[in-house]
């Protein structure tokens, strides 16, 4: 479980960083050179999710959603300097609980 959480966390950071690189280029008018690390980061994100031990990709992606939202809120706060408001926190909590249900819910074989 700890290994999966580490992989999910790394994947989230890679995805947020990759998307942010495109954001900086397209929304903030920075150099197109920002796209290169963005592409590398997004490729790393996709590769990392393949390392999760699961029979179904969709379940991996659904469970990952909670980690992604938490990482995005952390990025907002720590890297962009915008403190999350109560709605950010409530929304992230709802998504995180949903991802935990998907990840830890009992399965019939």
C-alpha atoms as a PDB file:
ATOM      1  CA  UNK A   1       0.000   0.000   0.000  1.00  0.00           C
ATOM      2  CA  UNK A   2       2.814   2.415   0.846  1.00  0.00           C
ATOM      3  CA  UNK A   3       4.403   1.702  -2.541  1.00  0.00           C
ATOM      4  CA  UNK A   4       1.142   2.493  -4.347  1.00  0.00           C
ATOM      5  CA  UNK A   5       0.726   5.738  -2.409  1.00  0.00           C
ATOM      6  CA  UNK A   6       4.264   6.774  -3.343  1.00  0.00           C
ATOM      7  CA  UNK A   7       3.616   5.978  -7.013  1.00  0.00           C
ATOM      8  CA  UNK A   8       0.295   7.850  -6.965  1.00  0.00           C
ATOM      9  CA  UNK A   9       1.956  10.860  -5.316  1.00  0.00           C
ATOM     10  CA  UNK A  10       4.778  10.937  -7.851  1.00  0.00           C
ATOM     11  CA  UNK A  11       2.287  10.558 -10.701  1.00  0.00           C
ATOM     12  CA  UNK A  12       0.222  13.456  -9.367  1.00  0.00           C
ATOM     13  CA  UNK A  13       3.242  15.720  -9.088  1.00  0.00           C
ATOM     14  CA  UNK A  14       4.299  14.774 -12.609  1.00  0.00           C
ATOM     15  CA  UNK A  15       0.833  15.438 -14.021  1.00  0.00           C
ATOM     16  CA  UNK A  16       0.326  18.753 -12.242  1.00  0.00           C
ATOM     17  CA  UNK A  17       3.832  19.908 -13.199  1.00  0.00           C
ATOM     18  CA  UNK A  18       3.301  18.870 -16.818  1.00  0.00           C
ATOM     19  CA  UNK A  19      -0.020  20.644 -17.085  1.00  0.00           C
ATOM     20  CA  UNK A  20       1.388  23.687 -15.301  1.00  0.00           C
ATOM     21  CA  UNK A  21       4.178  23.921 -17.895  1.00  0.00           C
ATOM     22  CA  UNK A  22       1.548  24.230 -20.628  1.00  0.00           C
ATOM     23  CA  UNK A  23      -0.411  26.716 -18.490  1.00  0.00           C
ATOM     24  CA  UNK A  24       2.669  28.909 -18.081  1.00  0.00           C
ATOM     25  CA  UNK A  25       3.332  28.820 -21.819  1.00  0.00           C
ATOM     26  CA  UNK A  26      -0.212  29.391 -23.053  1.00  0.00           C
ATOM     27  CA  UNK A  27      -1.746  31.499 -20.274  1.00  0.00           C
ATOM     28  CA  UNK A  28       1.259  33.412 -18.971  1.00  0.00           C
ATOM     29  CA  UNK A  29       2.952  34.041 -22.314  1.00  0.00           C
ATOM     30  CA  UNK A  30       6.206  32.290 -21.434  1.00  0.00           C
ATOM     31  CA  UNK A  31       8.527  30.678 -23.940  1.00  0.00           C
ATOM     32  CA  UNK A  32       7.357  27.574 -25.826  1.00  0.00           C
ATOM     33  CA  UNK A  33      10.432  25.904 -24.340  1.00  0.00           C
ATOM     34  CA  UNK A  34       8.209  25.284 -21.285  1.00  0.00           C
ATOM     35  CA  UNK A  35       6.418  22.634 -23.358  1.00  0.00           C
ATOM     36  CA  UNK A  36       9.433  20.297 -23.401  1.00  0.00           C
ATOM     37  CA  UNK A  37       9.623  19.597 -19.656  1.00  0.00           C
ATOM     38  CA  UNK A  38       5.831  19.528 -19.668  1.00  0.00           C
ATOM     39  CA  UNK A  39       5.792  16.696 -22.195  1.00  0.00           C
ATOM     40  CA  UNK A  40       8.464  14.768 -20.302  1.00  0.00           C
ATOM     41  CA  UNK A  41       6.528  15.219 -17.094  1.00  0.00           C
ATOM     42  CA  UNK A  42       3.250  14.022 -18.632  1.00  0.00           C
ATOM     43  CA  UNK A  43       4.960  10.957 -20.107  1.00  0.00           C
ATOM     44  CA  UNK A  44       6.393  10.188 -16.655  1.00  0.00           C
ATOM     45  CA  UNK A  45       2.897  10.563 -15.193  1.00  0.00           C
ATOM     46  CA  UNK A  46       1.414   8.024 -17.616  1.00  0.00           C
ATOM     47  CA  UNK A  47       4.284   5.583 -17.067  1.00  0.00           C
ATOM     48  CA  UNK A  48       4.023   5.845 -13.284  1.00  0.00           C
ATOM     49  CA  UNK A  49       0.353   4.861 -13.302  1.00  0.00           C
ATOM     50  CA  UNK A  50       1.241   1.659 -15.155  1.00  0.00           C
ATOM     51  CA  UNK A  51       3.309   0.639 -12.109  1.00  0.00           C
ATOM     52  CA  UNK A  52       0.215   0.333  -9.893  1.00  0.00           C
ATOM     53  CA  UNK A  53      -0.699  -3.305  -9.261  1.00  0.00           C
ATOM     54  CA  UNK A  54      -4.262  -3.665 -10.545  1.00  0.00           C
ATOM     55  CA  UNK A  55      -6.141  -5.756 -13.061  1.00  0.00           C
ATOM     56  CA  UNK A  56      -8.088  -2.728 -14.313  1.00  0.00           C
ATOM     57  CA  UNK A  57      -6.699   0.565 -15.556  1.00  0.00           C
ATOM     58  CA  UNK A  58      -9.976   2.393 -14.944  1.00  0.00           C
ATOM     59  CA  UNK A  59      -9.895   1.560 -11.244  1.00  0.00           C
ATOM     60  CA  UNK A  60      -6.306   2.811 -11.005  1.00  0.00           C
ATOM     61  CA  UNK A  61      -7.307   6.082 -12.676  1.00  0.00           C
ATOM     62  CA  UNK A  62     -10.393   6.514 -10.501  1.00  0.00           C
ATOM     63  CA  UNK A  63      -8.484   5.931  -7.264  1.00  0.00           C
ATOM     64  CA  UNK A  64      -5.721   8.236  -8.520  1.00  0.00           C
ATOM     65  CA  UNK A  65      -8.264  11.061  -8.868  1.00  0.00           C
ATOM     66  CA  UNK A  66      -8.253  11.720  -5.123  1.00  0.00           C
ATOM     67  CA  UNK A  67      -4.480  11.966  -5.016  1.00  0.00           C
ATOM     68  CA  UNK A  68      -4.516  14.269  -8.043  1.00  0.00           C
ATOM     69  CA  UNK A  69      -6.999  16.662  -6.446  1.00  0.00           C
ATOM     70  CA  UNK A  70      -5.028  16.754  -3.184  1.00  0.00           C
ATOM     71  CA  UNK A  71      -1.798  17.399  -5.103  1.00  0.00           C
ATOM     72  CA  UNK A  72      -3.489  20.151  -7.124  1.00  0.00           C
ATOM     73  CA  UNK A  73      -4.675  21.913  -3.965  1.00  0.00           C
ATOM     74  CA  UNK A  74      -1.181  21.593  -2.476  1.00  0.00           C
ATOM     75  CA  UNK A  75       0.294  23.019  -5.714  1.00  0.00           C
ATOM     76  CA  UNK A  76      -2.177  25.919  -5.539  1.00  0.00           C
ATOM     77  CA  UNK A  77      -1.096  26.713  -2.005  1.00  0.00           C
ATOM     78  CA  UNK A  78       2.629  26.037  -1.922  1.00  0.00           C
ATOM     79  CA  UNK A  79       3.744  26.826  -5.469  1.00  0.00           C
ATOM     80  CA  UNK A  80       1.226  29.401  -6.624  1.00  0.00           C
ATOM     81  CA  UNK A  81       0.830  31.087  -3.252  1.00  0.00           C
ATOM     82  CA  UNK A  82      -2.980  31.010  -3.191  1.00  0.00           C
ATOM     83  CA  UNK A  83      -4.335  29.657   0.073  1.00  0.00           C
ATOM     84  CA  UNK A  84      -7.150  27.136  -0.525  1.00  0.00           C
ATOM     85  CA  UNK A  85     -10.545  28.306   0.713  1.00  0.00           C
ATOM     86  CA  UNK A  86     -13.066  26.154   2.544  1.00  0.00           C
ATOM     87  CA  UNK A  87     -14.703  25.048  -0.708  1.00  0.00           C
ATOM     88  CA  UNK A  88     -11.376  23.836  -2.065  1.00  0.00           C
ATOM     89  CA  UNK A  89     -10.886  21.810   1.112  1.00  0.00           C
ATOM     90  CA  UNK A  90     -14.455  20.462   1.208  1.00  0.00           C
ATOM     91  CA  UNK A  91     -14.330  19.493  -2.467  1.00  0.00           C
ATOM     92  CA  UNK A  92     -10.930  17.838  -2.118  1.00  0.00           C
ATOM     93  CA  UNK A  93     -12.157  15.912   0.910  1.00  0.00           C
ATOM     94  CA  UNK A  94     -15.221  14.628  -0.939  1.00  0.00           C
ATOM     95  CA  UNK A  95     -13.092  13.482  -3.876  1.00  0.00           C
ATOM     96  CA  UNK A  96     -10.505  11.907  -1.575  1.00  0.00           C
ATOM     97  CA  UNK A  97     -13.191   9.962   0.316  1.00  0.00           C
ATOM     98  CA  UNK A  98     -14.623   8.777  -2.999  1.00  0.00           C
ATOM     99  CA  UNK A  99     -11.205   7.617  -4.168  1.00  0.00           C
ATOM    100  CA  UNK A 100     -10.681   5.758  -0.873  1.00  0.00           C
ATOM    101  CA  UNK A 101     -14.014   3.971  -1.351  1.00  0.00           C
ATOM    102  CA  UNK A 102     -12.942   2.900  -4.841  1.00  0.00           C
ATOM    103  CA  UNK A 103      -9.505   1.827  -3.634  1.00  0.00           C
ATOM    104  CA  UNK A 104     -10.442   0.045  -0.406  1.00  0.00           C
ATOM    105  CA  UNK A 105     -14.014  -1.080  -1.044  1.00  0.00           C
ATOM    106  CA  UNK A 106     -14.639  -4.815  -0.705  1.00  0.00           C
ATOM    107  CA  UNK A 107     -14.614  -6.612  -4.026  1.00  0.00           C
ATOM    108  CA  UNK A 108     -16.261  -9.855  -4.943  1.00  0.00           C
ATOM    109  CA  UNK A 109     -13.954 -12.083  -6.917  1.00  0.00           C
END
